[in-house]
C-alpha atoms as a PDB file:
ATOM      1  CA  LYS A   1     -20.655   2.850  -7.441  1.00  0.00           C
ATOM      2  CA  GLY A   2     -21.910   1.757 -10.821  1.00  0.00           C
ATOM      3  CA  ALA A   3     -24.608   4.431 -10.787  1.00  0.00           C
ATOM      4  CA  LEU A   4     -22.027   7.064  -9.863  1.00  0.00           C
ATOM      5  CA  GLU A   5     -19.865   6.029 -12.819  1.00  0.00           C
ATOM      6  CA  LEU A   6     -22.800   6.316 -15.226  1.00  0.00           C
ATOM      7  CA  LEU A   7     -23.868   9.660 -13.776  1.00  0.00           C
ATOM      8  CA  THR A   8     -20.296  10.928 -14.093  1.00  0.00           C
ATOM      9  CA  GLU A   9     -20.193   9.906 -17.746  1.00  0.00           C
ATOM     10  CA  ALA A  10     -23.480  11.693 -18.473  1.00  0.00           C
ATOM     11  CA  VAL A  11     -22.570  14.891 -16.615  1.00  0.00           C
ATOM     12  CA  ARG A  12     -19.115  14.876 -18.183  1.00  0.00           C
ATOM     13  CA  MET A  13     -20.648  14.966 -21.672  1.00  0.00           C
ATOM     14  CA  GLU A  14     -23.200  17.635 -20.708  1.00  0.00           C
ATOM     15  CA  VAL A  15     -20.629  20.064 -19.283  1.00  0.00           C
ATOM     16  CA  LYS A  16     -17.884  19.451 -21.839  1.00  0.00           C
ATOM     17  CA  PRO A  17     -18.914  22.515 -23.923  1.00  0.00           C
ATOM     18  CA  PHE A  18     -18.255  24.664 -20.828  1.00  0.00           C
ATOM     19  CA  ASN A  19     -14.713  23.278 -20.441  1.00  0.00           C
ATOM     20  CA  ILE A  20     -15.649  21.548 -17.176  1.00  0.00           C
ATOM     21  CA  LYS A  21     -13.865  18.225 -16.601  1.00  0.00           C
ATOM     22  CA  ILE A  22     -15.545  15.456 -14.602  1.00  0.00           C
ATOM     23  CA  THR A  23     -13.887  12.187 -13.569  1.00  0.00           C
ATOM     24  CA  THR A  24     -14.184   9.381 -11.033  1.00  0.00           C
ATOM     25  CA  ILE A  25     -11.525   7.702  -8.950  1.00  0.00           C
ATOM     26  CA  ALA A  26     -12.013   4.116  -7.798  1.00  0.00           C
ATOM     27  CA  PRO A  27      -9.740   3.810  -4.767  1.00  0.00           C
ATOM     28  CA  GLY A  28      -8.381   0.548  -3.494  1.00  0.00           C
ATOM     29  CA  ASP A  29      -7.767  -0.053   0.198  1.00  0.00           C
ATOM     30  CA  PHE A  30      -5.905   2.694   2.017  1.00  0.00           C
ATOM     31  CA  ALA A  31      -4.877   2.580   5.658  1.00  0.00           C
ATOM     32  CA  THR A  32      -7.181   5.216   7.124  1.00  0.00           C
ATOM     33  CA  ASN A  33      -9.642   5.337  10.010  1.00  0.00           C
ATOM     34  CA  ILE A  34     -12.644   4.965   7.678  1.00  0.00           C
ATOM     35  CA  ALA A  35     -13.522   1.555   9.136  1.00  0.00           C
ATOM     36  CA  SER A  36     -13.859   2.995  12.640  1.00  0.00           C
ATOM     37  CA  SER A  37     -16.590   5.392  11.538  1.00  0.00           C
ATOM     38  CA  ARG A  38     -18.312   3.050   9.081  1.00  0.00           C
ATOM     39  CA  TYR A  39     -22.006   2.642   9.771  1.00  0.00           C
ATOM     40  CA  HIS A  40     -23.291  -0.884   9.476  1.00  0.00           C
ATOM     41  CA  ALA A  41     -26.362  -2.703  10.609  1.00  0.00           C
ATOM     42  CA  PRO A  42     -26.040  -4.320  14.014  1.00  0.00           C
ATOM     43  CA  ILE A  43     -25.121  -7.991  14.039  1.00  0.00           C
ATOM     44  CA  LEU A  44     -28.108  -9.754  15.555  1.00  0.00           C
ATOM     45  CA  LYS A  45     -27.283 -12.936  17.455  1.00  0.00           C
ATOM     46  CA  ASP A  46     -30.171 -14.933  15.938  1.00  0.00           C
ATOM     47  CA  SER A  47     -29.633 -13.735  12.352  1.00  0.00           C
ATOM     48  CA  ALA A  48     -28.944 -16.306   9.653  1.00  0.00           C
ATOM     49  CA  TYR A  49     -26.433 -13.808   8.256  1.00  0.00           C
ATOM     50  CA  LYS A  50     -24.441 -13.428  11.488  1.00  0.00           C
ATOM     51  CA  PRO A  51     -21.429 -15.644  10.619  1.00  0.00           C
ATOM     52  CA  THR A  52     -21.079 -14.372   7.049  1.00  0.00           C
ATOM     53  CA  TYR A  53     -21.730 -10.732   7.931  1.00  0.00           C
ATOM     54  CA  SER A  54     -19.281 -10.790  10.839  1.00  0.00           C
ATOM     55  CA  ASN A  55     -16.571 -12.413   8.727  1.00  0.00           C
ATOM     56  CA  ILE A  56     -16.994  -9.957   5.842  1.00  0.00           C
ATOM     57  CA  LEU A  57     -16.911  -6.935   8.167  1.00  0.00           C
ATOM     58  CA  LYS A  58     -13.691  -8.236   9.732  1.00  0.00           C
ATOM     59  CA  MET A  59     -12.175  -8.934   6.315  1.00  0.00           C
ATOM     60  CA  MET A  60     -13.041  -5.420   5.098  1.00  0.00           C
ATOM     61  CA  ASP A  61     -11.531  -3.890   8.242  1.00  0.00           C
ATOM     62  CA  ASP A  62      -8.383  -5.990   7.784  1.00  0.00           C
ATOM     63  CA  HIS A  63      -8.083  -4.848   4.158  1.00  0.00           C
ATOM     64  CA  VAL A  64      -8.295  -1.201   5.215  1.00  0.00           C
ATOM     65  CA  ASP A  65      -5.883  -1.684   8.135  1.00  0.00           C
ATOM     66  CA  GLY A  66      -3.379  -3.334   5.790  1.00  0.00           C
ATOM     67  CA  GLY A  67      -4.040  -0.899   2.971  1.00  0.00           C
ATOM     68  CA  SER A  68      -1.672   1.357   1.110  1.00  0.00           C
ATOM     69  CA  ASP A  69      -0.369   4.666   2.409  1.00  0.00           C
ATOM     70  CA  PRO A  70      -3.096   7.335   1.932  1.00  0.00           C
ATOM     71  CA  ILE A  71      -0.410   9.722   0.682  1.00  0.00           C
ATOM     72  CA  GLU A  72      -0.400   7.639  -2.532  1.00  0.00           C
ATOM     73  CA  MET A  73      -4.081   8.480  -3.001  1.00  0.00           C
ATOM     74  CA  ALA A  74      -3.475  12.171  -2.310  1.00  0.00           C
ATOM     75  CA  GLU A  75      -0.638  12.204  -4.848  1.00  0.00           C
ATOM     76  CA  ALA A  76      -2.864  10.500  -7.439  1.00  0.00           C
ATOM     77  CA  VAL A  77      -5.641  13.067  -6.880  1.00  0.00           C
ATOM     78  CA  TYR A  78      -3.144  15.924  -7.175  1.00  0.00           C
ATOM     79  CA  LYS A  79      -1.772  14.487 -10.420  1.00  0.00           C
ATOM     80  CA  ILE A  80      -5.293  14.058 -11.830  1.00  0.00           C
ATOM     81  CA  ILE A  81      -6.364  17.627 -11.046  1.00  0.00           C
ATOM     82  CA  GLN A  82      -3.194  18.921 -12.708  1.00  0.00           C
ATOM     83  CA  ASN A  83      -4.102  17.059 -15.922  1.00  0.00           C
ATOM     84  CA  GLN A  84      -5.704  19.301 -18.559  1.00  0.00           C
ATOM     85  CA  GLU A  85      -7.454  16.298 -20.147  1.00  0.00           C
ATOM     86  CA  PRO A  86      -8.308  13.843 -17.362  1.00  0.00           C
ATOM     87  CA  LYS A  87      -9.560  10.373 -18.193  1.00  0.00           C
ATOM     88  CA  VAL A  88     -13.189   9.487 -17.530  1.00  0.00           C
ATOM     89  CA  HIS A  89     -12.292   6.974 -14.799  1.00  0.00           C
ATOM     90  CA  TYR A  90      -9.198   6.288 -12.706  1.00  0.00           C
ATOM     91  CA  LYS A  91      -8.301   3.278 -10.581  1.00  0.00           C
ATOM     92  CA  VAL A  92      -5.900   3.881  -7.690  1.00  0.00           C
ATOM     93  CA  GLY A  93      -4.587   1.038  -5.558  1.00  0.00           C
ATOM     94  CA  VAL A  94      -2.541  -2.113  -5.675  1.00  0.00           C
ATOM     95  CA  PHE A  95      -2.466  -4.114  -8.890  1.00  0.00           C
ATOM     96  CA  MET A  96      -5.037  -6.775  -7.948  1.00  0.00           C
ATOM     97  CA  GLN A  97      -7.577  -4.181  -6.808  1.00  0.00           C
ATOM     98  CA  LYS A  98      -7.288  -2.343 -10.108  1.00  0.00           C
ATOM     99  CA  PHE A  99      -7.192  -5.573 -12.097  1.00  0.00           C
ATOM    100  CA  SER A 100     -10.387  -6.841 -10.458  1.00  0.00           C
ATOM    101  CA  ILE A 101     -12.242  -3.902 -12.052  1.00  0.00           C
ATOM    102  CA  VAL A 102     -10.899  -4.963 -15.441  1.00  0.00           C
ATOM    103  CA  LEU A 103     -11.875  -8.584 -14.794  1.00  0.00           C
ATOM    104  CA  LYS A 104     -15.431  -7.536 -13.924  1.00  0.00           C
ATOM    105  CA  ARG A 105     -15.739  -5.865 -17.308  1.00  0.00           C
ATOM    106  CA  ILE A 106     -14.327  -8.734 -19.376  1.00  0.00           C
ATOM    107  CA  LEU A 107     -15.363 -11.935 -17.602  1.00  0.00           C
ATOM    108  CA  PRO A 108     -18.824 -13.459 -17.838  1.00  0.00           C
ATOM    109  CA  ASP A 109     -20.955 -12.298 -14.896  1.00  0.00           C
ATOM    110  CA  LEU A 110     -21.234 -15.737 -13.300  1.00  0.00           C
ATOM    111  CA  VAL A 111     -17.479 -16.345 -13.490  1.00  0.00           C
ATOM    112  CA  TYR A 112     -16.729 -13.023 -11.811  1.00  0.00           C
ATOM    113  CA  GLU A 113     -19.432 -13.627  -9.207  1.00  0.00           C
ATOM    114  CA  LYS A 114     -17.895 -17.013  -8.375  1.00  0.00           C
ATOM    115  CA  MET A 115     -14.454 -15.419  -7.943  1.00  0.00           C
ATOM    116  CA  VAL A 116     -15.800 -12.728  -5.601  1.00  0.00           C
ATOM    117  CA  MET A 117     -17.772 -15.258  -3.574  1.00  0.00           C
ATOM    118  CA  LYS A 118     -14.672 -17.431  -3.215  1.00  0.00           C
ATOM    119  CA  HIS A 119     -12.620 -14.420  -2.136  1.00  0.00           C
ATOM    120  CA  TYR A 120     -15.150 -13.455   0.539  1.00  0.00           C
ATOM    121  CA  LYS A 121     -15.749 -17.110   1.478  1.00  0.00           C
ATOM    122  CA  LEU A 122     -19.472 -16.940   0.675  1.00  0.00           C
END
């Protein structure tokens, strides 16, 4: 995701003289069937990661299942493409999902890492 943001910024500057607008959208959790088609490595019974990996997969699935209405995302995309001067980056989702992106940028790395690890019970 970070690489995509940087690539977007670079391409955006390169194509600006041609009146081409490039942007990214960081979506929060939306209630779609994306989790059902997600590819993930098999959970091996003798893996040291089994408990953590299983719990995180379940938590991610729960977040998607309880996510916002995907129509909100579609409306946000429509609004963005109607904008003559779109921002470089957009965040779409519930407040805490958007705010976590802000926190990552302003908090010291180790503080943010500790928060994420606590959230995912790592």
